Amino acid sequence: MSREDQRRTVRVQREELIKELIATYSKAFDRLPSLDLSERTLAKLAQLIINSREAAIQVLEEEIEAPLITSAPTPP
């Protein structure tokens, strides 16, 4: 597999995982109203879910497949 094909595969996998995580977190939010918890506890749980979602997705949004500079620059 060429380097470009590998980069494309990694990008597609990152994007797919982000979509799956968004769906998972949406389901978690949808369940919150059905829980028998006080508003304060629900707010804390919601904030925890938001923080977790942002941290998980932020890491995946970093483009790891970008080409790296592998040779030293030529002197002027």
PDB file of N, CA and C in Angstrom:
ATOM      1  N   MET A   1       0.850  -1.171   0.000  1.00  0.00           N
ATOM      2  CA  MET A   1       0.000   0.000   0.000  1.00  0.00           C
ATOM      3  C   MET A   1       0.897   1.236   0.000  1.00  0.00           C
ATOM      4  N   SER A   2       0.606   2.178  -0.870  1.00  0.00           N
ATOM      5  CA  SER A   2       1.425   3.384  -0.956  1.00  0.00           C
ATOM      6  C   SER A   2       1.217   4.267   0.277  1.00  0.00           C
ATOM      7  N   ARG A   3       2.125   5.180   0.483  1.00  0.00           N
ATOM      8  CA  ARG A   3       2.020   6.095   1.626  1.00  0.00           C
ATOM      9  C   ARG A   3       0.729   6.906   1.547  1.00  0.00           C
ATOM     10  N   GLU A   4       0.393   7.346   0.340  1.00  0.00           N
ATOM     11  CA  GLU A   4      -0.834   8.132   0.169  1.00  0.00           C
ATOM     12  C   GLU A   4      -2.064   7.294   0.502  1.00  0.00           C
ATOM     13  N   ASP A   5      -2.075   6.041   0.095  1.00  0.00           N
ATOM     14  CA  ASP A   5      -3.184   5.137   0.429  1.00  0.00           C
ATOM     15  C   ASP A   5      -3.271   4.927   1.934  1.00  0.00           C
ATOM     16  N   GLN A   6      -2.122   4.786   2.585  1.00  0.00           N
ATOM     17  CA  GLN A   6      -2.104   4.618   4.035  1.00  0.00           C
ATOM     18  C   GLN A   6      -2.655   5.865   4.734  1.00  0.00           C
ATOM     19  N   ARG A   7      -2.249   7.033   4.274  1.00  0.00           N
ATOM     20  CA  ARG A   7      -2.750   8.284   4.861  1.00  0.00           C
ATOM     21  C   ARG A   7      -4.266   8.380   4.696  1.00  0.00           C
ATOM     22  N   ARG A   8      -4.733   8.039   3.519  1.00  0.00           N
ATOM     23  CA  ARG A   8      -6.167   8.094   3.255  1.00  0.00           C
ATOM     24  C   ARG A   8      -6.921   7.128   4.165  1.00  0.00           C
ATOM     25  N   THR A   9      -6.390   5.934   4.329  1.00  0.00           N
ATOM     26  CA  THR A   9      -7.022   4.934   5.190  1.00  0.00           C
ATOM     27  C   THR A   9      -7.085   5.410   6.635  1.00  0.00           C
ATOM     28  N   VAL A  10      -5.998   5.980   7.113  1.00  0.00           N
ATOM     29  CA  VAL A  10      -5.973   6.492   8.488  1.00  0.00           C
ATOM     30  C   VAL A  10      -6.993   7.616   8.649  1.00  0.00           C
ATOM     31  N   ARG A  11      -7.039   8.537   7.683  1.00  0.00           N
ATOM     32  CA  ARG A  11      -7.984   9.657   7.761  1.00  0.00           C
ATOM     33  C   ARG A  11      -9.424   9.147   7.790  1.00  0.00           C
ATOM     34  N   VAL A  12      -9.743   8.201   6.938  1.00  0.00           N
ATOM     35  CA  VAL A  12     -11.095   7.650   6.884  1.00  0.00           C
ATOM     36  C   VAL A  12     -11.447   6.981   8.211  1.00  0.00           C
ATOM     37  N   GLN A  13     -10.513   6.242   8.779  1.00  0.00           N
ATOM     38  CA  GLN A  13     -10.770   5.571  10.047  1.00  0.00           C
ATOM     39  C   GLN A  13     -10.983   6.575  11.180  1.00  0.00           C
ATOM     40  N   ARG A  14     -10.180   7.640  11.202  1.00  0.00           N
ATOM     41  CA  ARG A  14     -10.366   8.684  12.219  1.00  0.00           C
ATOM     42  C   ARG A  14     -11.745   9.314  12.090  1.00  0.00           C
ATOM     43  N   GLU A  15     -12.126   9.648  10.862  1.00  0.00           N
ATOM     44  CA  GLU A  15     -13.419  10.282  10.630  1.00  0.00           C
ATOM     45  C   GLU A  15     -14.572   9.360  11.005  1.00  0.00           C
ATOM     46  N   GLU A  16     -14.445   8.089  10.703  1.00  0.00           N
ATOM     47  CA  GLU A  16     -15.483   7.117  11.053  1.00  0.00           C
ATOM     48  C   GLU A  16     -15.619   6.981  12.571  1.00  0.00           C
ATOM     49  N   LEU A  17     -14.493   6.916  13.265  1.00  0.00           N
ATOM     50  CA  LEU A  17     -14.540   6.809  14.721  1.00  0.00           C
ATOM     51  C   LEU A  17     -15.155   8.055  15.339  1.00  0.00           C
ATOM     52  N   ILE A  18     -14.865   9.220  14.801  1.00  0.00           N
ATOM     53  CA  ILE A  18     -15.478  10.450  15.304  1.00  0.00           C
ATOM     54  C   ILE A  18     -16.996  10.373  15.163  1.00  0.00           C
ATOM     55  N   LYS A  19     -17.482   9.921  14.014  1.00  0.00           N
ATOM     56  CA  LYS A  19     -18.928   9.783  13.807  1.00  0.00           C
ATOM     57  C   LYS A  19     -19.534   8.811  14.812  1.00  0.00           C
ATOM     58  N   GLU A  20     -18.851   7.695  15.052  1.00  0.00           N
ATOM     59  CA  GLU A  20     -19.348   6.700  15.999  1.00  0.00           C
ATOM     60  C   GLU A  20     -19.386   7.271  17.415  1.00  0.00           C
ATOM     61  N   LEU A  21     -18.354   8.012  17.780  1.00  0.00           N
ATOM     62  CA  LEU A  21     -18.331   8.621  19.111  1.00  0.00           C
ATOM     63  C   LEU A  21     -19.447   9.645  19.281  1.00  0.00           C
ATOM     64  N   ILE A  22     -19.674  10.456  18.260  1.00  0.00           N
ATOM     65  CA  ILE A  22     -20.756  11.440  18.338  1.00  0.00           C
ATOM     66  C   ILE A  22     -22.089  10.732  18.543  1.00  0.00           C
ATOM     67  N   ALA A  23     -22.316   9.642  17.838  1.00  0.00           N
ATOM     68  CA  ALA A  23     -23.560   8.879  17.996  1.00  0.00           C
ATOM     69  C   ALA A  23     -23.664   8.288  19.400  1.00  0.00           C
ATOM     70  N   THR A  24     -22.573   7.768  19.914  1.00  0.00           N
ATOM     71  CA  THR A  24     -22.573   7.183  21.257  1.00  0.00           C
ATOM     72  C   THR A  24     -22.878   8.232  22.318  1.00  0.00           C
ATOM     73  N   TYR A  25     -22.234   9.384  22.208  1.00  0.00           N
ATOM     74  CA  TYR A  25     -22.480  10.448  23.176  1.00  0.00           C
ATOM     75  C   TYR A  25     -23.899  10.994  23.055  1.00  0.00           C
ATOM     76  N   SER A  26     -24.440  11.040  21.856  1.00  0.00           N
ATOM     77  CA  SER A  26     -25.823  11.492  21.676  1.00  0.00           C
ATOM     78  C   SER A  26     -26.787  10.547  22.390  1.00  0.00           C
ATOM     79  N   LYS A  27     -26.530   9.258  22.280  1.00  0.00           N
ATOM     80  CA  LYS A  27     -27.374   8.281  22.975  1.00  0.00           C
ATOM     81  C   LYS A  27     -27.281   8.470  24.484  1.00  0.00           C
ATOM     82  N   ALA A  28     -26.086   8.758  24.978  1.00  0.00           N
ATOM     83  CA  ALA A  28     -25.911   8.979  26.414  1.00  0.00           C
ATOM     84  C   ALA A  28     -26.717  10.199  26.871  1.00  0.00           C
ATOM     85  N   PHE A  29     -26.696  11.262  26.081  1.00  0.00           N
ATOM     86  CA  PHE A  29     -27.483  12.446  26.419  1.00  0.00           C
ATOM     87  C   PHE A  29     -28.975  12.158  26.364  1.00  0.00           C
ATOM     88  N   ASP A  30     -29.391  11.373  25.401  1.00  0.00           N
ATOM     89  CA  ASP A  30     -30.810  11.037  25.274  1.00  0.00           C
ATOM     90  C   ASP A  30     -31.325  10.255  26.474  1.00  0.00           C
ATOM     91  N   ARG A  31     -30.453   9.505  27.128  1.00  0.00           N
ATOM     92  CA  ARG A  31     -30.848   8.717  28.300  1.00  0.00           C
ATOM     93  C   ARG A  31     -30.970   9.571  29.560  1.00  0.00           C
ATOM     94  N   LEU A  32     -30.334  10.721  29.614  1.00  0.00           N
ATOM     95  CA  LEU A  32     -30.309  11.528  30.832  1.00  0.00           C
ATOM     96  C   LEU A  32     -31.693  11.855  31.396  1.00  0.00           C
ATOM     97  N   PRO A  33     -32.652  12.286  30.586  1.00  0.00           N
ATOM     98  CA  PRO A  33     -33.963  12.632  31.155  1.00  0.00           C
ATOM     99  C   PRO A  33     -34.676  11.453  31.829  1.00  0.00           C
ATOM    100  N   SER A  34     -34.370  10.243  31.420  1.00  0.00           N
ATOM    101  CA  SER A  34     -35.049   9.078  31.995  1.00  0.00           C
ATOM    102  C   SER A  34     -34.440   8.632  33.325  1.00  0.00           C
ATOM    103  N   LEU A  35     -33.336   9.209  33.703  1.00  0.00           N
ATOM    104  CA  LEU A  35     -32.687   8.838  34.958  1.00  0.00           C
ATOM    105  C   LEU A  35     -33.376   9.529  36.116  1.00  0.00           C
ATOM    106  N   ASP A  36     -33.489   8.846  37.214  1.00  0.00           N
ATOM    107  CA  ASP A  36     -34.143   9.409  38.400  1.00  0.00           C
ATOM    108  C   ASP A  36     -33.094  10.094  39.265  1.00  0.00           C
ATOM    109  N   LEU A  37     -32.591  11.229  38.753  1.00  0.00           N
ATOM    110  CA  LEU A  37     -31.544  11.958  39.456  1.00  0.00           C
ATOM    111  C   LEU A  37     -31.971  13.403  39.661  1.00  0.00           C
ATOM    112  N   SER A  38     -31.400  14.034  40.667  1.00  0.00           N
ATOM    113  CA  SER A  38     -31.694  15.446  40.900  1.00  0.00           C
ATOM    114  C   SER A  38     -31.123  16.278  39.752  1.00  0.00           C
ATOM    115  N   GLU A  39     -31.633  17.494  39.615  1.00  0.00           N
ATOM    116  CA  GLU A  39     -31.146  18.369  38.540  1.00  0.00           C
ATOM    117  C   GLU A  39     -29.651  18.638  38.691  1.00  0.00           C
ATOM    118  N   ARG A  40     -29.214  18.814  39.931  1.00  0.00           N
ATOM    119  CA  ARG A  40     -27.791  19.085  40.172  1.00  0.00           C
ATOM    120  C   ARG A  40     -26.923  17.905  39.721  1.00  0.00           C
ATOM    121  N   THR A  41     -27.340  16.694  40.069  1.00  0.00           N
ATOM    122  CA  THR A  41     -26.589  15.505  39.685  1.00  0.00           C
ATOM    123  C   THR A  41     -26.624  15.313  38.173  1.00  0.00           C
ATOM    124  N   LEU A  42     -27.779  15.564  37.544  1.00  0.00           N
ATOM    125  CA  LEU A  42     -27.878  15.475  36.091  1.00  0.00           C
ATOM    126  C   LEU A  42     -26.956  16.487  35.419  1.00  0.00           C
ATOM    127  N   ALA A  43     -26.882  17.681  35.973  1.00  0.00           N
ATOM    128  CA  ALA A  43     -26.010  18.712  35.407  1.00  0.00           C
ATOM    129  C   ALA A  43     -24.550  18.287  35.498  1.00  0.00           C
ATOM    130  N   LYS A  44     -24.156  17.718  36.623  1.00  0.00           N
ATOM    131  CA  LYS A  44     -22.778  17.244  36.783  1.00  0.00           C
ATOM    132  C   LYS A  44     -22.475  16.125  35.789  1.00  0.00           C
ATOM    133  N   LEU A  45     -23.408  15.200  35.655  1.00  0.00           N
ATOM    134  CA  LEU A  45     -23.226  14.086  34.725  1.00  0.00           C
ATOM    135  C   LEU A  45     -23.160  14.594  33.285  1.00  0.00           C
ATOM    136  N   ALA A  46     -24.028  15.532  32.947  1.00  0.00           N
ATOM    137  CA  ALA A  46     -24.014  16.097  31.598  1.00  0.00           C
ATOM    138  C   ALA A  46     -22.679  16.775  31.319  1.00  0.00           C
ATOM    139  N   GLN A  47     -22.155  17.518  32.291  1.00  0.00           N
ATOM    140  CA  GLN A  47     -20.873  18.186  32.104  1.00  0.00           C
ATOM    141  C   GLN A  47     -19.745  17.168  31.944  1.00  0.00           C
ATOM    142  N   LEU A  48     -19.795  16.103  32.697  1.00  0.00           N
ATOM    143  CA  LEU A  48     -18.806  15.037  32.583  1.00  0.00           C
ATOM    144  C   LEU A  48     -18.840  14.418  31.180  1.00  0.00           C
ATOM    145  N   ILE A  49     -20.029  14.178  30.679  1.00  0.00           N
ATOM    146  CA  ILE A  49     -20.178  13.608  29.340  1.00  0.00           C
ATOM    147  C   ILE A  49     -19.643  14.578  28.285  1.00  0.00           C
ATOM    148  N   ILE A  50     -19.969  15.858  28.436  1.00  0.00           N
ATOM    149  CA  ILE A  50     -19.483  16.866  27.485  1.00  0.00           C
ATOM    150  C   ILE A  50     -17.965  16.919  27.483  1.00  0.00           C
ATOM    151  N   ASN A  51     -17.369  16.949  28.664  1.00  0.00           N
ATOM    152  CA  ASN A  51     -15.905  16.998  28.760  1.00  0.00           C
ATOM    153  C   ASN A  51     -15.268  15.762  28.138  1.00  0.00           C
ATOM    154  N   SER A  52     -15.842  14.617  28.399  1.00  0.00           N
ATOM    155  CA  SER A  52     -15.323  13.368  27.857  1.00  0.00           C
ATOM    156  C   SER A  52     -15.418  13.368  26.335  1.00  0.00           C
ATOM    157  N   ARG A  53     -16.556  13.802  25.818  1.00  0.00           N
ATOM    158  CA  ARG A  53     -16.760  13.847  24.364  1.00  0.00           C
ATOM    159  C   ARG A  53     -15.736  14.768  23.704  1.00  0.00           C
ATOM    160  N   GLU A  54     -15.577  15.949  24.262  1.00  0.00           N
ATOM    161  CA  GLU A  54     -14.636  16.909  23.679  1.00  0.00           C
ATOM    162  C   GLU A  54     -13.208  16.371  23.691  1.00  0.00           C
ATOM    163  N   ALA A  55     -12.808  15.757  24.794  1.00  0.00           N
ATOM    164  CA  ALA A  55     -11.445  15.221  24.887  1.00  0.00           C
ATOM    165  C   ALA A  55     -11.227  14.093  23.887  1.00  0.00           C
ATOM    166  N   ALA A  56     -12.193  13.205  23.773  1.00  0.00           N
ATOM    167  CA  ALA A  56     -12.052  12.070  22.859  1.00  0.00           C
ATOM    168  C   ALA A  56     -11.986  12.530  21.407  1.00  0.00           C
ATOM    169  N   ILE A  57     -12.860  13.442  21.046  1.00  0.00           N
ATOM    170  CA  ILE A  57     -12.926  13.873  19.654  1.00  0.00           C
ATOM    171  C   ILE A  57     -11.759  14.789  19.303  1.00  0.00           C
ATOM    172  N   GLN A  58     -11.359  15.635  20.241  1.00  0.00           N
ATOM    173  CA  GLN A  58     -10.248  16.546  19.967  1.00  0.00           C
ATOM    174  C   GLN A  58      -8.981  15.780  19.586  1.00  0.00           C
ATOM    175  N   VAL A  59      -8.689  14.729  20.289  1.00  0.00           N
ATOM    176  CA  VAL A  59      -7.504  13.921  19.989  1.00  0.00           C
ATOM    177  C   VAL A  59      -7.613  13.320  18.587  1.00  0.00           C
ATOM    178  N   LEU A  60      -8.790  12.862  18.224  1.00  0.00           N
ATOM    179  CA  LEU A  60      -8.975  12.234  16.910  1.00  0.00           C
ATOM    180  C   LEU A  60      -8.977  13.242  15.767  1.00  0.00           C
ATOM    181  N   GLU A  61      -9.258  14.486  16.059  1.00  0.00           N
ATOM    182  CA  GLU A  61      -9.266  15.501  15.009  1.00  0.00           C
ATOM    183  C   GLU A  61      -7.858  15.924  14.600  1.00  0.00           C
ATOM    184  N   GLU A  62      -6.867  15.586  15.406  1.00  0.00           N
ATOM    185  CA  GLU A  62      -5.492  15.902  15.037  1.00  0.00           C
ATOM    186  C   GLU A  62      -5.085  15.019  13.858  1.00  0.00           C
ATOM    187  N   GLU A  63      -4.550  15.638  12.849  1.00  0.00           N
ATOM    188  CA  GLU A  63      -4.226  14.927  11.616  1.00  0.00           C
ATOM    189  C   GLU A  63      -2.874  14.235  11.760  1.00  0.00           C
ATOM    190  N   ILE A  64      -2.897  12.976  12.143  1.00  0.00           N
ATOM    191  CA  ILE A  64      -1.650  12.229  12.340  1.00  0.00           C
ATOM    192  C   ILE A  64      -1.074  11.712  11.036  1.00  0.00           C
ATOM    193  N   GLU A  65      -1.894  11.686   9.990  1.00  0.00           N
ATOM    194  CA  GLU A  65      -1.415  11.099   8.744  1.00  0.00           C
ATOM    195  C   GLU A  65      -0.743  12.114   7.833  1.00  0.00           C
ATOM    196  N   ALA A  66      -0.634  13.358   8.256  1.00  0.00           N
ATOM    197  CA  ALA A  66       0.032  14.365   7.433  1.00  0.00           C
ATOM    198  C   ALA A  66       1.481  13.958   7.207  1.00  0.00           C
ATOM    199  N   PRO A  67       1.987  14.248   6.040  1.00  0.00           N
ATOM    200  CA  PRO A  67       3.370  13.869   5.761  1.00  0.00           C
ATOM    201  C   PRO A  67       4.338  14.578   6.717  1.00  0.00           C
ATOM    202  N   LEU A  68       5.325  13.858   7.142  1.00  0.00           N
ATOM    203  CA  LEU A  68       6.329  14.407   8.040  1.00  0.00           C
ATOM    204  C   LEU A  68       7.544  14.852   7.246  1.00  0.00           C
ATOM    205  N   ILE A  69       8.226  15.845   7.746  1.00  0.00           N
ATOM    206  CA  ILE A  69       9.487  16.268   7.131  1.00  0.00           C
ATOM    207  C   ILE A  69      10.548  15.278   7.596  1.00  0.00           C
ATOM    208  N   THR A  70      11.088  14.532   6.667  1.00  0.00           N
ATOM    209  CA  THR A  70      12.022  13.457   7.056  1.00  0.00           C
ATOM    210  C   THR A  70      13.455  13.746   6.654  1.00  0.00           C
ATOM    211  N   SER A  71      13.687  14.843   6.003  1.00  0.00           N
ATOM    212  CA  SER A  71      15.074  15.165   5.629  1.00  0.00           C
ATOM    213  C   SER A  71      15.422  16.553   6.143  1.00  0.00           C
ATOM    214  N   ALA A  72      16.665  16.722   6.421  1.00  0.00           N
ATOM    215  CA  ALA A  72      17.131  18.011   6.928  1.00  0.00           C
ATOM    216  C   ALA A  72      17.088  19.035   5.789  1.00  0.00           C
ATOM    217  N   PRO A  73      16.821  20.293   6.135  1.00  0.00           N
ATOM    218  CA  PRO A  73      16.799  21.307   5.090  1.00  0.00           C
ATOM    219  C   PRO A  73      18.195  21.494   4.503  1.00  0.00           C
ATOM    220  N   THR A  74      18.225  21.845   3.248  1.00  0.00           N
ATOM    221  CA  THR A  74      19.529  22.084   2.596  1.00  0.00           C
ATOM    222  C   THR A  74      20.045  23.454   3.006  1.00  0.00           C
ATOM    223  N   PRO A  75      21.338  23.562   3.302  1.00  0.00           N
ATOM    224  CA  PRO A  75      21.898  24.847   3.726  1.00  0.00           C
ATOM    225  C   PRO A  75      21.885  25.838   2.567  1.00  0.00           C
ATOM    226  N   PRO A  76      21.749  27.130   2.886  1.00  0.00           N
ATOM    227  CA  PRO A  76      21.702  28.148   1.827  1.00  0.00           C
ATOM    228  C   PRO A  76      23.030  28.353   1.141  1.00  0.00           C
TER     229      PRO A  76
END
